[in-house]
C-alpha cells in the first residue's frame, strides 16, 4: 500500500529531474545527504539525530542543528568531520548553523 503523499513525492522528483536547473538542485541535495551519512561516522550517536544536511555549493557545506548546545558540540568535532571528508575526496569548508525554532 502506498504511503500518503508518495504519489506527489514521485511527481515532484520527476519534475525536478526533468528540469535542468532543478535537476542540479536535486543532485546537490543528494550529495549533501551523502556527505551527512559519511560525516555520521565521526559523530556521536546522540548528535546524529539532531544534525541535518544543509546547503552544498562551491563555497562549502552547511550542517544544520536544532539548538545551540548541539551546534557547540558539532563545532568541536568539525576538524574530525573535515578530515574525514578530505580523506574521501571532499575538500569542503563546513559551517554549522542553528535552525530557527518552529512555533
N, C-alpha and C. Protein backbone atom coordinates (compact mmCIF):
# COMPACT_ATOMS: atom_id res chain seq x y z
N UNK A 1 0.84 -1.18 0.00
CA UNK A 1 0.00 0.00 0.00
C UNK A 1 0.88 1.24 0.00
N UNK A 2 0.59 2.18 -0.85
CA UNK A 2 1.38 3.41 -0.94
C UNK A 2 1.13 4.29 0.26
N UNK A 3 2.17 4.97 0.68
CA UNK A 3 2.04 5.90 1.79
C UNK A 3 1.35 7.17 1.31
N UNK A 4 0.63 7.84 2.21
CA UNK A 4 0.00 9.10 1.80
C UNK A 4 1.07 10.07 1.32
N UNK A 5 0.82 10.70 0.20
CA UNK A 5 1.75 11.69 -0.34
C UNK A 5 2.85 11.11 -1.20
N UNK A 6 2.96 9.77 -1.27
CA UNK A 6 4.05 9.18 -2.04
C UNK A 6 3.90 9.45 -3.53
N UNK A 7 2.67 9.53 -4.02
CA UNK A 7 2.45 9.83 -5.43
C UNK A 7 2.91 11.25 -5.74
N UNK A 8 2.58 12.19 -4.86
CA UNK A 8 3.01 13.57 -5.10
C UNK A 8 4.52 13.70 -4.96
N UNK A 9 5.13 12.91 -4.08
CA UNK A 9 6.59 12.93 -3.95
C UNK A 9 7.24 12.42 -5.22
N UNK A 10 6.68 11.37 -5.80
CA UNK A 10 7.21 10.85 -7.06
C UNK A 10 7.04 11.87 -8.19
N UNK A 11 5.90 12.55 -8.22
CA UNK A 11 5.67 13.57 -9.24
C UNK A 11 6.66 14.72 -9.07
N UNK A 12 6.94 15.10 -7.84
CA UNK A 12 7.90 16.17 -7.58
C UNK A 12 9.29 15.75 -8.02
N UNK A 13 9.70 14.53 -7.69
CA UNK A 13 11.01 14.03 -8.09
C UNK A 13 11.13 13.98 -9.61
N UNK A 14 10.06 13.59 -10.27
CA UNK A 14 10.05 13.54 -11.73
C UNK A 14 10.19 14.94 -12.32
N UNK A 15 9.48 15.90 -11.74
CA UNK A 15 9.56 17.28 -12.22
C UNK A 15 10.95 17.85 -12.00
N UNK A 16 11.53 17.57 -10.84
CA UNK A 16 12.88 18.05 -10.56
C UNK A 16 13.89 17.47 -11.53
N UNK A 17 13.72 16.20 -11.85
CA UNK A 17 14.65 15.53 -12.75
C UNK A 17 14.53 15.99 -14.19
N UNK A 18 13.37 16.50 -14.58
CA UNK A 18 13.16 16.87 -15.98
C UNK A 18 13.59 18.30 -16.29
N UNK A 19 13.82 19.11 -15.29
CA UNK A 19 14.24 20.50 -15.48
C UNK A 19 15.72 20.60 -15.17
N UNK A 20 16.50 21.18 -16.09
CA UNK A 20 17.95 21.23 -15.93
C UNK A 20 18.38 21.94 -14.64
N UNK A 21 17.80 23.08 -14.37
CA UNK A 21 18.16 23.84 -13.17
C UNK A 21 17.76 23.08 -11.91
N UNK A 22 16.54 22.57 -11.90
CA UNK A 22 16.06 21.84 -10.73
C UNK A 22 16.78 20.52 -10.57
N UNK A 23 17.19 19.92 -11.67
CA UNK A 23 17.94 18.67 -11.61
C UNK A 23 19.27 18.89 -10.89
N UNK A 24 19.93 20.02 -11.17
CA UNK A 24 21.17 20.36 -10.47
C UNK A 24 20.94 20.53 -8.98
N UNK A 25 19.82 21.14 -8.63
CA UNK A 25 19.46 21.31 -7.22
C UNK A 25 19.26 19.95 -6.56
N UNK A 26 18.55 19.07 -7.24
CA UNK A 26 18.30 17.73 -6.71
C UNK A 26 19.61 16.98 -6.50
N UNK A 27 20.55 17.12 -7.44
CA UNK A 27 21.85 16.47 -7.30
C UNK A 27 22.60 16.99 -6.08
N UNK A 28 22.53 18.31 -5.84
CA UNK A 28 23.20 18.88 -4.66
C UNK A 28 22.55 18.40 -3.37
N UNK A 29 21.24 18.27 -3.37
CA UNK A 29 20.54 17.75 -2.19
C UNK A 29 20.99 16.33 -1.89
N UNK A 30 21.05 15.49 -2.92
CA UNK A 30 21.51 14.11 -2.72
C UNK A 30 22.96 14.06 -2.27
N UNK A 31 23.80 14.92 -2.85
CA UNK A 31 25.21 14.96 -2.45
C UNK A 31 25.35 15.40 -1.00
N UNK A 32 24.55 16.37 -0.58
CA UNK A 32 24.59 16.85 0.80
C UNK A 32 24.17 15.74 1.76
N UNK A 33 23.15 14.99 1.40
CA UNK A 33 22.70 13.87 2.24
C UNK A 33 23.76 12.78 2.31
N UNK A 34 24.45 12.53 1.20
CA UNK A 34 25.52 11.53 1.20
C UNK A 34 26.68 11.98 2.08
N UNK A 35 26.99 13.27 2.05
CA UNK A 35 28.06 13.80 2.91
C UNK A 35 27.68 13.65 4.38
N UNK A 36 26.40 13.88 4.70
CA UNK A 36 25.96 13.73 6.08
C UNK A 36 26.11 12.28 6.53
N UNK A 37 25.77 11.35 5.66
CA UNK A 37 25.93 9.93 6.00
C UNK A 37 27.40 9.62 6.27
N UNK A 38 28.28 10.19 5.48
CA UNK A 38 29.72 9.98 5.68
C UNK A 38 30.17 10.63 6.98
N UNK A 39 29.76 11.86 7.22
CA UNK A 39 30.15 12.58 8.43
C UNK A 39 29.62 11.88 9.68
N UNK A 40 28.50 11.19 9.55
CA UNK A 40 27.93 10.48 10.68
C UNK A 40 28.87 9.46 11.29
N UNK A 41 29.88 9.04 10.52
CA UNK A 41 30.85 8.07 11.04
C UNK A 41 31.65 8.62 12.21
N UNK A 42 31.83 9.94 12.28
CA UNK A 42 32.61 10.53 13.37
C UNK A 42 31.75 11.28 14.39
N UNK A 43 30.45 11.29 14.17
CA UNK A 43 29.55 11.96 15.11
C UNK A 43 29.05 10.99 16.17
N UNK A 44 28.99 11.44 17.43
CA UNK A 44 28.41 10.59 18.46
C UNK A 44 26.94 10.29 18.14
N UNK A 45 26.48 9.14 18.58
CA UNK A 45 25.11 8.71 18.28
C UNK A 45 24.08 9.75 18.70
N UNK A 46 24.27 10.36 19.85
CA UNK A 46 23.31 11.35 20.34
C UNK A 46 23.25 12.60 19.49
N UNK A 47 24.32 12.90 18.80
CA UNK A 47 24.37 14.10 17.97
C UNK A 47 23.82 13.84 16.57
N UNK A 48 23.95 12.61 16.09
CA UNK A 48 23.49 12.28 14.74
C UNK A 48 22.02 12.60 14.52
N UNK A 49 21.22 12.42 15.54
CA UNK A 49 19.78 12.65 15.41
C UNK A 49 19.36 14.10 15.30
N UNK A 50 20.25 15.03 15.67
CA UNK A 50 19.87 16.45 15.63
C UNK A 50 20.60 17.22 14.54
N UNK A 51 21.44 16.54 13.77
CA UNK A 51 22.17 17.19 12.68
C UNK A 51 21.49 16.86 11.36
N UNK A 52 21.29 17.89 10.55
CA UNK A 52 20.68 17.72 9.23
C UNK A 52 21.62 18.23 8.15
N UNK A 53 21.51 17.66 6.99
CA UNK A 53 22.29 18.12 5.84
C UNK A 53 21.71 19.45 5.37
N UNK A 54 22.59 20.42 5.20
CA UNK A 54 22.17 21.73 4.73
C UNK A 54 22.66 21.97 3.31
N UNK A 55 22.66 23.23 2.90
CA UNK A 55 23.06 23.57 1.54
C UNK A 55 24.51 23.17 1.22
N UNK A 56 24.71 22.77 -0.01
CA UNK A 56 26.02 22.42 -0.53
C UNK A 56 26.23 23.22 -1.80
N UNK A 57 27.34 23.97 -1.85
CA UNK A 57 27.65 24.73 -3.05
C UNK A 57 29.16 24.81 -3.23
N UNK A 58 29.61 25.65 -4.14
CA UNK A 58 31.04 25.77 -4.42
C UNK A 58 31.81 26.35 -3.24
N UNK A 59 31.14 27.08 -2.37
CA UNK A 59 31.77 27.69 -1.20
C UNK A 59 32.00 26.68 -0.08
N UNK A 60 31.15 25.68 0.02
CA UNK A 60 31.27 24.69 1.08
C UNK A 60 29.94 24.02 1.38
N UNK A 61 29.86 23.53 2.60
CA UNK A 61 28.70 22.74 3.01
C UNK A 61 28.24 23.22 4.37
N UNK A 62 26.95 23.23 4.60
CA UNK A 62 26.38 23.67 5.87
C UNK A 62 25.71 22.50 6.56
N UNK A 63 26.00 22.35 7.85
CA UNK A 63 25.30 21.39 8.69
C UNK A 63 24.32 22.17 9.55
N UNK A 64 23.10 21.72 9.61
CA UNK A 64 22.04 22.39 10.36
C UNK A 64 21.76 21.60 11.64
N UNK A 65 21.63 22.33 12.75
CA UNK A 65 21.34 21.68 14.02
C UNK A 65 20.16 22.35 14.70
N UNK A 66 19.55 21.63 15.62
CA UNK A 66 18.31 22.08 16.24
C UNK A 66 18.53 23.11 17.35
N UNK A 67 19.71 23.11 17.98
CA UNK A 67 19.90 24.02 19.12
C UNK A 67 21.37 24.41 19.27
N UNK A 68 21.60 25.42 20.11
CA UNK A 68 22.94 25.96 20.30
C UNK A 68 23.89 24.96 20.96
N UNK A 69 23.38 24.14 21.86
CA UNK A 69 24.23 23.15 22.52
C UNK A 69 24.77 22.14 21.51
N UNK A 70 23.91 21.68 20.63
CA UNK A 70 24.34 20.74 19.59
C UNK A 70 25.32 21.42 18.63
N UNK A 71 25.08 22.69 18.34
CA UNK A 71 25.99 23.44 17.45
C UNK A 71 27.37 23.55 18.08
N UNK A 72 27.43 23.82 19.38
CA UNK A 72 28.72 23.93 20.06
C UNK A 72 29.48 22.62 20.01
N UNK A 73 28.81 21.52 20.28
CA UNK A 73 29.46 20.21 20.23
C UNK A 73 29.91 19.89 18.81
N UNK A 74 29.07 20.18 17.83
CA UNK A 74 29.41 19.90 16.44
C UNK A 74 30.61 20.72 15.99
N UNK A 75 30.67 21.98 16.44
CA UNK A 75 31.83 22.82 16.08
C UNK A 75 33.12 22.23 16.64
N UNK A 76 33.06 21.60 17.81
CA UNK A 76 34.24 20.94 18.38
C UNK A 76 34.67 19.77 17.50
N UNK A 77 33.72 19.14 16.84
CA UNK A 77 34.01 17.96 16.02
C UNK A 77 34.31 18.29 14.56
N UNK A 78 34.20 19.57 14.18
CA UNK A 78 34.42 19.93 12.78
C UNK A 78 35.78 19.51 12.23
N UNK A 79 36.88 19.64 12.99
CA UNK A 79 38.15 19.17 12.43
C UNK A 79 38.11 17.69 12.03
N UNK A 80 37.47 16.86 12.84
CA UNK A 80 37.36 15.43 12.51
C UNK A 80 36.45 15.22 11.31
N UNK A 81 35.36 15.97 11.23
CA UNK A 81 34.44 15.85 10.10
C UNK A 81 35.14 16.27 8.81
N UNK A 82 35.82 17.43 8.85
CA UNK A 82 36.51 17.92 7.65
C UNK A 82 37.63 16.98 7.23
N UNK A 83 38.35 16.40 8.21
CA UNK A 83 39.42 15.45 7.88
C UNK A 83 38.85 14.22 7.18
N UNK A 84 37.73 13.71 7.69
CA UNK A 84 37.09 12.55 7.06
C UNK A 84 36.64 12.88 5.64
N UNK A 85 36.07 14.05 5.47
CA UNK A 85 35.63 14.46 4.13
C UNK A 85 36.82 14.56 3.18
N UNK A 86 37.93 15.16 3.65
CA UNK A 86 39.13 15.27 2.81
C UNK A 86 39.66 13.89 2.43
N UNK A 87 39.67 12.96 3.39
CA UNK A 87 40.15 11.60 3.12
C UNK A 87 39.32 10.91 2.04
N UNK A 88 38.08 11.35 1.90
CA UNK A 88 37.17 10.75 0.92
C UNK A 88 36.99 11.64 -0.32
N UNK A 89 37.93 12.57 -0.52
CA UNK A 89 37.93 13.38 -1.73
C UNK A 89 37.03 14.59 -1.75
N UNK A 90 36.59 15.03 -0.57
CA UNK A 90 35.70 16.20 -0.48
C UNK A 90 36.38 17.28 0.35
N UNK A 91 37.16 18.13 -0.28
CA UNK A 91 37.84 19.20 0.44
C UNK A 91 36.94 20.41 0.61
N UNK A 92 35.96 20.28 1.47
CA UNK A 92 34.95 21.33 1.65
C UNK A 92 35.13 22.05 2.98
N UNK A 93 34.84 23.34 2.97
CA UNK A 93 34.72 24.07 4.23
C UNK A 93 33.33 23.75 4.78
N UNK A 94 33.26 23.45 6.06
CA UNK A 94 31.99 23.08 6.68
C UNK A 94 31.60 24.15 7.69
N UNK A 95 30.37 24.60 7.61
CA UNK A 95 29.82 25.57 8.55
C UNK A 95 28.68 24.92 9.32
N UNK A 96 28.42 25.44 10.51
CA UNK A 96 27.32 24.96 11.34
C UNK A 96 26.35 26.11 11.55
N UNK A 97 25.08 25.84 11.34
CA UNK A 97 24.05 26.84 11.59
C UNK A 97 22.94 26.23 12.43
N UNK A 98 22.42 27.05 13.35
CA UNK A 98 21.31 26.62 14.19
C UNK A 98 20.01 26.95 13.48
N UNK A 99 19.14 25.96 13.38
CA UNK A 99 17.83 26.17 12.76
C UNK A 99 16.97 27.04 13.67
N UNK A 100 16.18 27.94 13.09
CA UNK A 100 15.27 28.73 13.93
C UNK A 100 14.22 27.82 14.55
N UNK A 101 13.78 28.20 15.72
CA UNK A 101 12.74 27.41 16.39
C UNK A 101 11.44 27.47 15.61
N UNK A 102 10.78 26.33 15.56
CA UNK A 102 9.47 26.28 14.92
C UNK A 102 8.42 26.42 16.00
N UNK A 103 7.48 27.31 15.77
CA UNK A 103 6.43 27.51 16.77
C UNK A 103 5.12 26.95 16.32
